[in-house]
Amino acid sequence: MKIIYNSILPFGRDYSAINLMGVLFVKHGIRLTPELLNHEAIHSAQMREMLYLPFYLLYVLEWLWRLLQTRGNSLEAYRRISFEREAYAHGSDLSYLPRRRRFAQYRRPT
């Protein structure tokens, strides 16, 4: 995964990194931990299995739906996106990716 430090992406003070097509944009001053890298690697796996464009389309549509559910709370809407729930649930498990099942973001945890 290519990593680019910058002062523009991601937008918003609550976000430290964004993965766009397998390129990780990280705000200056953010320490990249193994857990954060794993979180973003999970997103890369999600993107690949959904062929990138559908991933972004579904991500935005689900965020909009969650935004309605949370009455405009954008951070809570973000946390409820299925892709984010999977990445946060397994970000600290550095051995997760090799055993990850396809479309795990839509499966109930076992």
PDB file of N, CA and C in Angstrom:
ATOM      1  N   MET A   1       0.860  -1.163   0.000  1.00  0.00           N
ATOM      2  CA  MET A   1       0.000   0.000   0.000  1.00  0.00           C
ATOM      3  C   MET A   1       0.910   1.231   0.000  1.00  0.00           C
ATOM      4  N   LYS A   2       0.709   2.101  -0.954  1.00  0.00           N
ATOM      5  CA  LYS A   2       1.471   3.345  -1.029  1.00  0.00           C
ATOM      6  C   LYS A   2       0.905   4.308   0.019  1.00  0.00           C
ATOM      7  N   ILE A   3       1.795   5.029   0.719  1.00  0.00           N
ATOM      8  CA  ILE A   3       1.392   5.953   1.777  1.00  0.00           C
ATOM      9  C   ILE A   3       1.856   7.354   1.411  1.00  0.00           C
ATOM     10  N   ILE A   4       0.928   8.305   1.448  1.00  0.00           N
ATOM     11  CA  ILE A   4       1.233   9.703   1.145  1.00  0.00           C
ATOM     12  C   ILE A   4       0.804  10.560   2.336  1.00  0.00           C
ATOM     13  N   TYR A   5       1.771  11.245   2.933  1.00  0.00           N
ATOM     14  CA  TYR A   5       1.475  12.190   4.016  1.00  0.00           C
ATOM     15  C   TYR A   5       1.128  13.534   3.390  1.00  0.00           C
ATOM     16  N   ASN A   6       0.068  14.164   3.900  1.00  0.00           N
ATOM     17  CA  ASN A   6      -0.366  15.442   3.342  1.00  0.00           C
ATOM     18  C   ASN A   6      -1.175  16.206   4.382  1.00  0.00           C
ATOM     19  N   SER A   7      -1.559  17.425   4.034  1.00  0.00           N
ATOM     20  CA  SER A   7      -2.331  18.243   4.976  1.00  0.00           C
ATOM     21  C   SER A   7      -3.774  18.456   4.517  1.00  0.00           C
ATOM     22  N   ILE A   8      -4.177  17.803   3.422  1.00  0.00           N
ATOM     23  CA  ILE A   8      -5.519  18.011   2.873  1.00  0.00           C
ATOM     24  C   ILE A   8      -6.446  16.830   3.140  1.00  0.00           C
ATOM     25  N   LEU A   9      -6.032  15.635   2.771  1.00  0.00           N
ATOM     26  CA  LEU A   9      -6.879  14.445   2.914  1.00  0.00           C
ATOM     27  C   LEU A   9      -6.468  13.660   4.142  1.00  0.00           C
ATOM     28  N   PRO A  10      -7.389  13.104   4.870  1.00  0.00           N
ATOM     29  CA  PRO A  10      -8.832  13.208   4.701  1.00  0.00           C
ATOM     30  C   PRO A  10      -9.358  14.517   5.274  1.00  0.00           C
ATOM     31  N   PHE A  11     -10.530  14.912   4.792  1.00  0.00           N
ATOM     32  CA  PHE A  11     -11.185  16.113   5.292  1.00  0.00           C
ATOM     33  C   PHE A  11     -11.718  15.841   6.692  1.00  0.00           C
ATOM     34  N   GLY A  12     -11.777  16.862   7.507  1.00  0.00           N
ATOM     35  CA  GLY A  12     -12.369  16.733   8.846  1.00  0.00           C
ATOM     36  C   GLY A  12     -11.336  16.416   9.906  1.00  0.00           C
ATOM     37  N   ARG A  13     -11.542  16.951  11.092  1.00  0.00           N
ATOM     38  CA  ARG A  13     -10.570  16.764  12.168  1.00  0.00           C
ATOM     39  C   ARG A  13     -10.683  15.391  12.842  1.00  0.00           C
ATOM     40  N   ASP A  14     -11.787  14.696  12.642  1.00  0.00           N
ATOM     41  CA  ASP A  14     -11.990  13.400  13.290  1.00  0.00           C
ATOM     42  C   ASP A  14     -11.358  12.239  12.525  1.00  0.00           C
ATOM     43  N   TYR A  15     -10.783  12.507  11.380  1.00  0.00           N
ATOM     44  CA  TYR A  15     -10.248  11.445  10.527  1.00  0.00           C
ATOM     45  C   TYR A  15      -8.761  11.651  10.322  1.00  0.00           C
ATOM     46  N   SER A  16      -7.992  10.566  10.403  1.00  0.00           N
ATOM     47  CA  SER A  16      -6.539  10.679  10.296  1.00  0.00           C
ATOM     48  C   SER A  16      -5.988  10.120   8.988  1.00  0.00           C
ATOM     49  N   ALA A  17      -6.736   9.217   8.347  1.00  0.00           N
ATOM     50  CA  ALA A  17      -6.255   8.592   7.117  1.00  0.00           C
ATOM     51  C   ALA A  17      -7.444   8.194   6.246  1.00  0.00           C
ATOM     52  N   ILE A  18      -7.191   8.129   4.947  1.00  0.00           N
ATOM     53  CA  ILE A  18      -8.206   7.666   4.003  1.00  0.00           C
ATOM     54  C   ILE A  18      -7.518   6.821   2.938  1.00  0.00           C
ATOM     55  N   ASN A  19      -8.146   5.725   2.599  1.00  0.00           N
ATOM     56  CA  ASN A  19      -7.625   4.786   1.616  1.00  0.00           C
ATOM     57  C   ASN A  19      -8.400   5.003   0.315  1.00  0.00           C
ATOM     58  N   LEU A  20      -7.731   5.502  -0.694  1.00  0.00           N
ATOM     59  CA  LEU A  20      -8.359   5.721  -1.995  1.00  0.00           C
ATOM     60  C   LEU A  20      -7.679   4.843  -3.035  1.00  0.00           C
ATOM     61  N   MET A  21      -8.382   3.815  -3.465  1.00  0.00           N
ATOM     62  CA  MET A  21      -7.888   2.891  -4.493  1.00  0.00           C
ATOM     63  C   MET A  21      -6.561   2.239  -4.083  1.00  0.00           C
ATOM     64  N   GLY A  22      -6.398   1.966  -2.791  1.00  0.00           N
ATOM     65  CA  GLY A  22      -5.187   1.318  -2.306  1.00  0.00           C
ATOM     66  C   GLY A  22      -4.051   2.271  -1.991  1.00  0.00           C
ATOM     67  N   VAL A  23      -4.274   3.568  -2.130  1.00  0.00           N
ATOM     68  CA  VAL A  23      -3.284   4.578  -1.747  1.00  0.00           C
ATOM     69  C   VAL A  23      -3.770   5.207  -0.444  1.00  0.00           C
ATOM     70  N   LEU A  24      -2.921   5.170   0.563  1.00  0.00           N
ATOM     71  CA  LEU A  24      -3.300   5.670   1.882  1.00  0.00           C
ATOM     72  C   LEU A  24      -2.818   7.109   2.039  1.00  0.00           C
ATOM     73  N   PHE A  25      -3.766   8.025   2.209  1.00  0.00           N
ATOM     74  CA  PHE A  25      -3.464   9.427   2.461  1.00  0.00           C
ATOM     75  C   PHE A  25      -3.563   9.642   3.965  1.00  0.00           C
ATOM     76  N   VAL A  26      -2.483  10.139   4.563  1.00  0.00           N
ATOM     77  CA  VAL A  26      -2.396  10.298   6.008  1.00  0.00           C
ATOM     78  C   VAL A  26      -2.069  11.752   6.315  1.00  0.00           C
ATOM     79  N   LYS A  27      -2.769  12.316   7.301  1.00  0.00           N
ATOM     80  CA  LYS A  27      -2.489  13.688   7.710  1.00  0.00           C
ATOM     81  C   LYS A  27      -1.105  13.766   8.359  1.00  0.00           C
ATOM     82  N   HIS A  28      -0.414  14.876   8.111  1.00  0.00           N
ATOM     83  CA  HIS A  28       0.872  15.118   8.762  1.00  0.00           C
ATOM     84  C   HIS A  28       0.703  15.018  10.269  1.00  0.00           C
ATOM     85  N   GLY A  29       1.676  14.427  10.924  1.00  0.00           N
ATOM     86  CA  GLY A  29       1.650  14.328  12.381  1.00  0.00           C
ATOM     87  C   GLY A  29       0.951  13.099  12.917  1.00  0.00           C
ATOM     88  N   ILE A  30       0.325  12.311  12.051  1.00  0.00           N
ATOM     89  CA  ILE A  30      -0.357  11.088  12.487  1.00  0.00           C
ATOM     90  C   ILE A  30       0.646   9.941  12.501  1.00  0.00           C
ATOM     91  N   ARG A  31       0.671   9.211  13.600  1.00  0.00           N
ATOM     92  CA  ARG A  31       1.544   8.046  13.712  1.00  0.00           C
ATOM     93  C   ARG A  31       0.818   6.825  13.152  1.00  0.00           C
ATOM     94  N   LEU A  32       1.418   6.215  12.155  1.00  0.00           N
ATOM     95  CA  LEU A  32       0.821   5.019  11.557  1.00  0.00           C
ATOM     96  C   LEU A  32       1.154   3.806  12.410  1.00  0.00           C
ATOM     97  N   THR A  33       0.177   3.312  13.110  1.00  0.00           N
ATOM     98  CA  THR A  33       0.360   2.126  13.951  1.00  0.00           C
ATOM     99  C   THR A  33       0.060   0.878  13.130  1.00  0.00           C
ATOM    100  N   PRO A  34       0.517  -0.283  13.578  1.00  0.00           N
ATOM    101  CA  PRO A  34       0.145  -1.528  12.886  1.00  0.00           C
ATOM    102  C   PRO A  34      -1.374  -1.707  12.822  1.00  0.00           C
ATOM    103  N   GLU A  35      -2.083  -1.254  13.857  1.00  0.00           N
ATOM    104  CA  GLU A  35      -3.543  -1.380  13.883  1.00  0.00           C
ATOM    105  C   GLU A  35      -4.200  -0.498  12.821  1.00  0.00           C
ATOM    106  N   LEU A  36      -3.723   0.727  12.673  1.00  0.00           N
ATOM    107  CA  LEU A  36      -4.277   1.612  11.647  1.00  0.00           C
ATOM    108  C   LEU A  36      -3.971   1.075  10.251  1.00  0.00           C
ATOM    109  N   LEU A  37      -2.762   0.587  10.052  1.00  0.00           N
ATOM    110  CA  LEU A  37      -2.422  -0.005   8.750  1.00  0.00           C
ATOM    111  C   LEU A  37      -3.289  -1.228   8.462  1.00  0.00           C
ATOM    112  N   ASN A  38      -3.554  -2.038   9.491  1.00  0.00           N
ATOM    113  CA  ASN A  38      -4.406  -3.211   9.313  1.00  0.00           C
ATOM    114  C   ASN A  38      -5.842  -2.797   8.983  1.00  0.00           C
ATOM    115  N   HIS A  39      -6.339  -1.778   9.670  1.00  0.00           N
ATOM    116  CA  HIS A  39      -7.682  -1.245   9.393  1.00  0.00           C
ATOM    117  C   HIS A  39      -7.790  -0.868   7.911  1.00  0.00           C
ATOM    118  N   GLU A  40      -6.790  -0.154   7.417  1.00  0.00           N
ATOM    119  CA  GLU A  40      -6.812   0.279   6.017  1.00  0.00           C
ATOM    120  C   GLU A  40      -6.586  -0.885   5.058  1.00  0.00           C
ATOM    121  N   ALA A  41      -5.806  -1.879   5.469  1.00  0.00           N
ATOM    122  CA  ALA A  41      -5.610  -3.075   4.630  1.00  0.00           C
ATOM    123  C   ALA A  41      -6.920  -3.852   4.503  1.00  0.00           C
ATOM    124  N   ILE A  42      -7.733  -3.846   5.554  1.00  0.00           N
ATOM    125  CA  ILE A  42      -9.055  -4.482   5.485  1.00  0.00           C
ATOM    126  C   ILE A  42      -9.905  -3.763   4.443  1.00  0.00           C
ATOM    127  N   HIS A  43      -9.844  -2.426   4.437  1.00  0.00           N
ATOM    128  CA  HIS A  43     -10.564  -1.673   3.408  1.00  0.00           C
ATOM    129  C   HIS A  43     -10.048  -2.018   2.004  1.00  0.00           C
ATOM    130  N   SER A  44      -8.750  -2.189   1.856  1.00  0.00           N
ATOM    131  CA  SER A  44      -8.202  -2.567   0.546  1.00  0.00           C
ATOM    132  C   SER A  44      -8.760  -3.912   0.091  1.00  0.00           C
ATOM    133  N   ALA A  45      -8.876  -4.860   1.017  1.00  0.00           N
ATOM    134  CA  ALA A  45      -9.457  -6.165   0.679  1.00  0.00           C
ATOM    135  C   ALA A  45     -10.920  -6.014   0.278  1.00  0.00           C
ATOM    136  N   GLN A  46     -11.657  -5.173   0.985  1.00  0.00           N
ATOM    137  CA  GLN A  46     -13.058  -4.921   0.645  1.00  0.00           C
ATOM    138  C   GLN A  46     -13.167  -4.317  -0.753  1.00  0.00           C
ATOM    139  N   MET A  47     -12.302  -3.360  -1.046  1.00  0.00           N
ATOM    140  CA  MET A  47     -12.324  -2.702  -2.366  1.00  0.00           C
ATOM    141  C   MET A  47     -12.049  -3.693  -3.485  1.00  0.00           C
ATOM    142  N   ARG A  48     -11.013  -4.506  -3.299  1.00  0.00           N
ATOM    143  CA  ARG A  48     -10.645  -5.476  -4.345  1.00  0.00           C
ATOM    144  C   ARG A  48     -11.783  -6.446  -4.644  1.00  0.00           C
ATOM    145  N   GLU A  49     -12.409  -6.991  -3.596  1.00  0.00           N
ATOM    146  CA  GLU A  49     -13.449  -7.987  -3.830  1.00  0.00           C
ATOM    147  C   GLU A  49     -14.710  -7.367  -4.431  1.00  0.00           C
ATOM    148  N   MET A  50     -14.882  -6.064  -4.276  1.00  0.00           N
ATOM    149  CA  MET A  50     -16.057  -5.399  -4.854  1.00  0.00           C
ATOM    150  C   MET A  50     -15.711  -4.650  -6.141  1.00  0.00           C
ATOM    151  N   LEU A  51     -14.477  -4.795  -6.593  1.00  0.00           N
ATOM    152  CA  LEU A  51     -14.019  -4.184  -7.849  1.00  0.00           C
ATOM    153  C   LEU A  51     -14.030  -2.655  -7.792  1.00  0.00           C
ATOM    154  N   TYR A  52     -13.648  -2.117  -6.672  1.00  0.00           N
ATOM    155  CA  TYR A  52     -13.406  -0.699  -6.404  1.00  0.00           C
ATOM    156  C   TYR A  52     -14.620   0.216  -6.578  1.00  0.00           C
ATOM    157  N   LEU A  53     -15.086   0.455  -7.767  1.00  0.00           N
ATOM    158  CA  LEU A  53     -16.169   1.426  -7.959  1.00  0.00           C
ATOM    159  C   LEU A  53     -17.430   1.067  -7.172  1.00  0.00           C
ATOM    160  N   PRO A  54     -17.904  -0.191  -7.219  1.00  0.00           N
ATOM    161  CA  PRO A  54     -19.079  -0.529  -6.390  1.00  0.00           C
ATOM    162  C   PRO A  54     -18.827  -0.323  -4.894  1.00  0.00           C
ATOM    163  N   PHE A  55     -17.591  -0.543  -4.450  1.00  0.00           N
ATOM    164  CA  PHE A  55     -17.267  -0.298  -3.044  1.00  0.00           C
ATOM    165  C   PHE A  55     -17.572   1.155  -2.680  1.00  0.00           C
ATOM    166  N   TYR A  56     -17.057   2.080  -3.480  1.00  0.00           N
ATOM    167  CA  TYR A  56     -17.253   3.505  -3.176  1.00  0.00           C
ATOM    168  C   TYR A  56     -18.721   3.910  -3.297  1.00  0.00           C
ATOM    169  N   LEU A  57     -19.402   3.383  -4.278  1.00  0.00           N
ATOM    170  CA  LEU A  57     -20.814   3.693  -4.450  1.00  0.00           C
ATOM    171  C   LEU A  57     -21.616   3.205  -3.239  1.00  0.00           C
ATOM    172  N   LEU A  58     -21.417   1.961  -2.845  1.00  0.00           N
ATOM    173  CA  LEU A  58     -22.130   1.418  -1.688  1.00  0.00           C
ATOM    174  C   LEU A  58     -21.725   2.113  -0.394  1.00  0.00           C
ATOM    175  N   TYR A  59     -20.453   2.468  -0.275  1.00  0.00           N
ATOM    176  CA  TYR A  59     -19.973   3.166   0.917  1.00  0.00           C
ATOM    177  C   TYR A  59     -20.714   4.486   1.085  1.00  0.00           C
ATOM    178  N   VAL A  60     -20.791   5.275   0.020  1.00  0.00           N
ATOM    179  CA  VAL A  60     -21.457   6.583   0.095  1.00  0.00           C
ATOM    180  C   VAL A  60     -22.956   6.411   0.328  1.00  0.00           C
ATOM    181  N   LEU A  61     -23.580   5.469  -0.371  1.00  0.00           N
ATOM    182  CA  LEU A  61     -25.018   5.251  -0.180  1.00  0.00           C
ATOM    183  C   LEU A  61     -25.331   4.804   1.250  1.00  0.00           C
ATOM    184  N   GLU A  62     -24.496   3.909   1.774  1.00  0.00           N
ATOM    185  CA  GLU A  62     -24.733   3.456   3.144  1.00  0.00           C
ATOM    186  C   GLU A  62     -24.496   4.592   4.136  1.00  0.00           C
ATOM    187  N   TRP A  63     -23.481   5.428   3.900  1.00  0.00           N
ATOM    188  CA  TRP A  63     -23.241   6.572   4.782  1.00  0.00           C
ATOM    189  C   TRP A  63     -24.443   7.520   4.775  1.00  0.00           C
ATOM    190  N   LEU A  64     -25.016   7.764   3.596  1.00  0.00           N
ATOM    191  CA  LEU A  64     -26.192   8.630   3.515  1.00  0.00           C
ATOM    192  C   LEU A  64     -27.367   8.032   4.286  1.00  0.00           C
ATOM    193  N   TRP A  65     -27.560   6.716   4.147  1.00  0.00           N
ATOM    194  CA  TRP A  65     -28.630   6.033   4.874  1.00  0.00           C
ATOM    195  C   TRP A  65     -28.400   6.144   6.381  1.00  0.00           C
ATOM    196  N   ARG A  66     -27.163   5.895   6.809  1.00  0.00           N
ATOM    197  CA  ARG A  66     -26.833   5.980   8.239  1.00  0.00           C
ATOM    198  C   ARG A  66     -26.950   7.428   8.740  1.00  0.00           C
ATOM    199  N   LEU A  67     -26.681   8.380   7.876  1.00  0.00           N
ATOM    200  CA  LEU A  67     -26.822   9.788   8.245  1.00  0.00           C
ATOM    201  C   LEU A  67     -28.285  10.102   8.561  1.00  0.00           C
ATOM    202  N   LEU A  68     -29.198   9.555   7.771  1.00  0.00           N
ATOM    203  CA  LEU A  68     -30.625   9.721   8.061  1.00  0.00           C
ATOM    204  C   LEU A  68     -30.982   9.052   9.381  1.00  0.00           C
ATOM    205  N   GLN A  69     -30.475   7.843   9.593  1.00  0.00           N
ATOM    206  CA  GLN A  69     -30.763   7.109  10.818  1.00  0.00           C
ATOM    207  C   GLN A  69     -30.262   7.824  12.066  1.00  0.00           C
ATOM    208  N   THR A  70     -29.125   8.515  11.934  1.00  0.00           N
ATOM    209  CA  THR A  70     -28.516   9.179  13.091  1.00  0.00           C
ATOM    210  C   THR A  70     -28.892  10.653  13.176  1.00  0.00           C
ATOM    211  N   ARG A  71     -29.864  11.049  12.366  1.00  0.00           N
ATOM    212  CA  ARG A  71     -30.364  12.438  12.364  1.00  0.00           C
ATOM    213  C   ARG A  71     -29.241  13.461  12.154  1.00  0.00           C
ATOM    214  N   GLY A  72     -28.376  13.162  11.182  1.00  0.00           N
ATOM    215  CA  GLY A  72     -27.355  14.118  10.791  1.00  0.00           C
ATOM    216  C   GLY A  72     -26.036  14.018  11.522  1.00  0.00           C
ATOM    217  N   ASN A  73     -25.860  13.036  12.385  1.00  0.00           N
ATOM    218  CA  ASN A  73     -24.595  12.866  13.108  1.00  0.00           C
ATOM    219  C   ASN A  73     -23.611  12.137  12.182  1.00  0.00           C
ATOM    220  N   SER A  74     -22.755  12.908  11.509  1.00  0.00           N
ATOM    221  CA  SER A  74     -21.898  12.319  10.474  1.00  0.00           C
ATOM    222  C   SER A  74     -20.872  11.344  11.031  1.00  0.00           C
ATOM    223  N   LEU A  75     -20.322  11.603  12.211  1.00  0.00           N
ATOM    224  CA  LEU A  75     -19.345  10.678  12.786  1.00  0.00           C
ATOM    225  C   LEU A  75     -20.008   9.359  13.184  1.00  0.00           C
ATOM    226  N   GLU A  76     -21.183   9.432  13.771  1.00  0.00           N
ATOM    227  CA  GLU A  76     -21.912   8.207  14.131  1.00  0.00           C
ATOM    228  C   GLU A  76     -22.327   7.447  12.870  1.00  0.00           C
ATOM    229  N   ALA A  77     -22.750   8.162  11.842  1.00  0.00           N
ATOM    230  CA  ALA A  77     -23.109   7.517  10.576  1.00  0.00           C
ATOM    231  C   ALA A  77     -21.912   6.783   9.995  1.00  0.00           C
ATOM    232  N   TYR A  78     -20.753   7.419  10.031  1.00  0.00           N
ATOM    233  CA  TYR A  78     -19.509   6.799   9.553  1.00  0.00           C
ATOM    234  C   TYR A  78     -19.203   5.524  10.329  1.00  0.00           C
ATOM    235  N   ARG A  79     -19.331   5.571  11.640  1.00  0.00           N
ATOM    236  CA  ARG A  79     -19.020   4.396  12.482  1.00  0.00           C
ATOM    237  C   ARG A  79     -19.981   3.233  12.225  1.00  0.00           C
ATOM    238  N   ARG A  80     -21.184   3.516  11.723  1.00  0.00           N
ATOM    239  CA  ARG A  80     -22.184   2.469  11.483  1.00  0.00           C
ATOM    240  C   ARG A  80     -22.098   1.844  10.097  1.00  0.00           C
ATOM    241  N   ILE A  81     -21.270   2.371   9.218  1.00  0.00           N
ATOM    242  CA  ILE A  81     -21.123   1.795   7.877  1.00  0.00           C
ATOM    243  C   ILE A  81     -20.555   0.384   8.017  1.00  0.00           C
ATOM    244  N   SER A  82     -21.132  -0.570   7.308  1.00  0.00           N
ATOM    245  CA  SER A  82     -20.724  -1.972   7.448  1.00  0.00           C
ATOM    246  C   SER A  82     -19.228  -2.174   7.182  1.00  0.00           C
ATOM    247  N   PHE A  83     -18.675  -1.462   6.218  1.00  0.00           N
ATOM    248  CA  PHE A  83     -17.255  -1.576   5.911  1.00  0.00           C
ATOM    249  C   PHE A  83     -16.408  -1.115   7.097  1.00  0.00           C
ATOM    250  N   GLU A  84     -16.842  -0.045   7.754  1.00  0.00           N
ATOM    251  CA  GLU A  84     -16.115   0.476   8.907  1.00  0.00           C
ATOM    252  C   GLU A  84     -16.280  -0.428  10.124  1.00  0.00           C
ATOM    253  N   ARG A  85     -17.475  -0.984  10.300  1.00  0.00           N
ATOM    254  CA  ARG A  85     -17.679  -1.881  11.443  1.00  0.00           C
ATOM    255  C   ARG A  85     -16.719  -3.062  11.369  1.00  0.00           C
ATOM    256  N   GLU A  86     -16.579  -3.639  10.175  1.00  0.00           N
ATOM    257  CA  GLU A  86     -15.640  -4.756  10.037  1.00  0.00           C
ATOM    258  C   GLU A  86     -14.215  -4.299  10.315  1.00  0.00           C
ATOM    259  N   ALA A  87     -13.808  -3.187   9.719  1.00  0.00           N
ATOM    260  CA  ALA A  87     -12.426  -2.716   9.874  1.00  0.00           C
ATOM    261  C   ALA A  87     -12.114  -2.360  11.329  1.00  0.00           C
ATOM    262  N   TYR A  88     -13.047  -1.728  12.024  1.00  0.00           N
ATOM    263  CA  TYR A  88     -12.821  -1.405  13.439  1.00  0.00           C
ATOM    264  C   TYR A  88     -12.850  -2.660  14.309  1.00  0.00           C
ATOM    265  N   ALA A  89     -13.724  -3.591  14.003  1.00  0.00           N
ATOM    266  CA  ALA A  89     -13.834  -4.814  14.810  1.00  0.00           C
ATOM    267  C   ALA A  89     -12.571  -5.668  14.723  1.00  0.00           C
ATOM    268  N   HIS A  90     -11.871  -5.614  13.586  1.00  0.00           N
ATOM    269  CA  HIS A  90     -10.719  -6.486  13.389  1.00  0.00           C
ATOM    270  C   HIS A  90      -9.404  -5.740  13.191  1.00  0.00           C
ATOM    271  N   GLY A  91      -9.406  -4.425  13.340  1.00  0.00           N
ATOM    272  CA  GLY A  91      -8.196  -3.641  13.130  1.00  0.00           C
ATOM    273  C   GLY A  91      -7.043  -4.028  14.033  1.00  0.00           C
ATOM    274  N   SER A  92      -7.337  -4.412  15.263  1.00  0.00           N
ATOM    275  CA  SER A  92      -6.267  -4.779  16.196  1.00  0.00           C
ATOM    276  C   SER A  92      -5.857  -6.243  16.079  1.00  0.00           C
ATOM    277  N   ASP A  93      -6.559  -7.014  15.276  1.00  0.00           N
ATOM    278  CA  ASP A  93      -6.221  -8.425  15.050  1.00  0.00           C
ATOM    279  C   ASP A  93      -5.342  -8.502  13.798  1.00  0.00           C
ATOM    280  N   LEU A  94      -4.032  -8.463  13.999  1.00  0.00           N
ATOM    281  CA  LEU A  94      -3.102  -8.388  12.878  1.00  0.00           C
ATOM    282  C   LEU A  94      -3.037  -9.681  12.068  1.00  0.00           C
ATOM    283  N   SER A  95      -3.675 -10.740  12.533  1.00  0.00           N
ATOM    284  CA  SER A  95      -3.712 -11.999  11.774  1.00  0.00           C
ATOM    285  C   SER A  95      -5.067 -12.197  11.090  1.00  0.00           C
ATOM    286  N   TYR A  96      -5.900 -11.167  11.060  1.00  0.00           N
ATOM    287  CA  TYR A  96      -7.261 -11.290  10.519  1.00  0.00           C
ATOM    288  C   TYR A  96      -7.294 -11.453   8.997  1.00  0.00           C
ATOM    289  N   LEU A  97      -6.556 -10.679   8.270  1.00  0.00           N
ATOM    290  CA  LEU A  97      -6.682 -10.661   6.804  1.00  0.00           C
ATOM    291  C   LEU A  97      -6.493 -12.023   6.142  1.00  0.00           C
ATOM    292  N   PRO A  98      -5.503 -12.822   6.521  1.00  0.00           N
ATOM    293  CA  PRO A  98      -5.354 -14.124   5.848  1.00  0.00           C
ATOM    294  C   PRO A  98      -6.553 -15.062   6.035  1.00  0.00           C
ATOM    295  N   ARG A  99      -7.297 -14.886   7.118  1.00  0.00           N
ATOM    296  CA  ARG A  99      -8.442 -15.779   7.353  1.00  0.00           C
ATOM    297  C   ARG A  99      -9.786 -15.097   7.098  1.00  0.00           C
ATOM    298  N   ARG A 100      -9.743 -13.875   6.610  1.00  0.00           N
ATOM    299  CA  ARG A 100     -10.968 -13.112   6.347  1.00  0.00           C
ATOM    300  C   ARG A 100     -11.777 -13.796   5.247  1.00  0.00           C
ATOM    301  N   ARG A 101     -13.073 -13.938   5.478  1.00  0.00           N
ATOM    302  CA  ARG A 101     -13.968 -14.499   4.464  1.00  0.00           C
ATOM    303  C   ARG A 101     -14.434 -13.385   3.538  1.00  0.00           C
ATOM    304  N   ARG A 102     -14.698 -13.752   2.291  1.00  0.00           N
ATOM    305  CA  ARG A 102     -15.175 -12.770   1.316  1.00  0.00           C
ATOM    306  C   ARG A 102     -16.475 -12.129   1.804  1.00  0.00           C
ATOM    307  N   PHE A 103     -16.603 -10.851   1.550  1.00  0.00           N
ATOM    308  CA  PHE A 103     -17.788 -10.062   1.911  1.00  0.00           C
ATOM    309  C   PHE A 103     -18.086 -10.153   3.415  1.00  0.00           C
ATOM    310  N   ALA A 104     -17.038 -10.214   4.192  1.00  0.00           N
ATOM    311  CA  ALA A 104     -17.188 -10.323   5.660  1.00  0.00           C
ATOM    312  C   ALA A 104     -17.918  -9.131   6.252  1.00  0.00           C
ATOM    313  N   GLN A 105     -17.904  -7.997   5.575  1.00  0.00           N
ATOM    314  CA  GLN A 105     -18.597  -6.811   6.096  1.00  0.00           C
ATOM    315  C   GLN A 105     -20.094  -7.035   6.182  1.00  0.00           C
ATOM    316  N   TYR A 106     -20.604  -8.012   5.452  1.00  0.00           N
ATOM    317  CA  TYR A 106     -22.044  -8.290   5.478  1.00  0.00           C
ATOM    318  C   TYR A 106     -22.387  -9.534   6.284  1.00  0.00           C
ATOM    319  N   ARG A 107     -21.414 -10.143   6.891  1.00  0.00           N
ATOM    320  CA  ARG A 107     -21.652 -11.364   7.685  1.00  0.00           C
ATOM    321  C   ARG A 107     -21.710 -11.003   9.162  1.00  0.00           C
ATOM    322  N   ARG A 108     -22.511 -11.760   9.877  1.00  0.00           N
ATOM    323  CA  ARG A 108     -22.566 -11.573  11.336  1.00  0.00           C
ATOM    324  C   ARG A 108     -21.298 -12.185  11.935  1.00  0.00           C
ATOM    325  N   PRO A 109     -20.752 -11.543  12.967  1.00  0.00           N
ATOM    326  CA  PRO A 109     -19.562 -12.117  13.623  1.00  0.00           C
ATOM    327  C   PRO A 109     -19.883 -13.467  14.215  1.00  0.00           C
ATOM    328  N   THR A 110     -18.916 -14.379  14.127  1.00  0.00           N
ATOM    329  CA  THR A 110     -19.128 -15.731  14.669  1.00  0.00           C
ATOM    330  C   THR A 110     -18.465 -15.894  16.000  1.00  0.00           C
TER     331      THR A 110
END
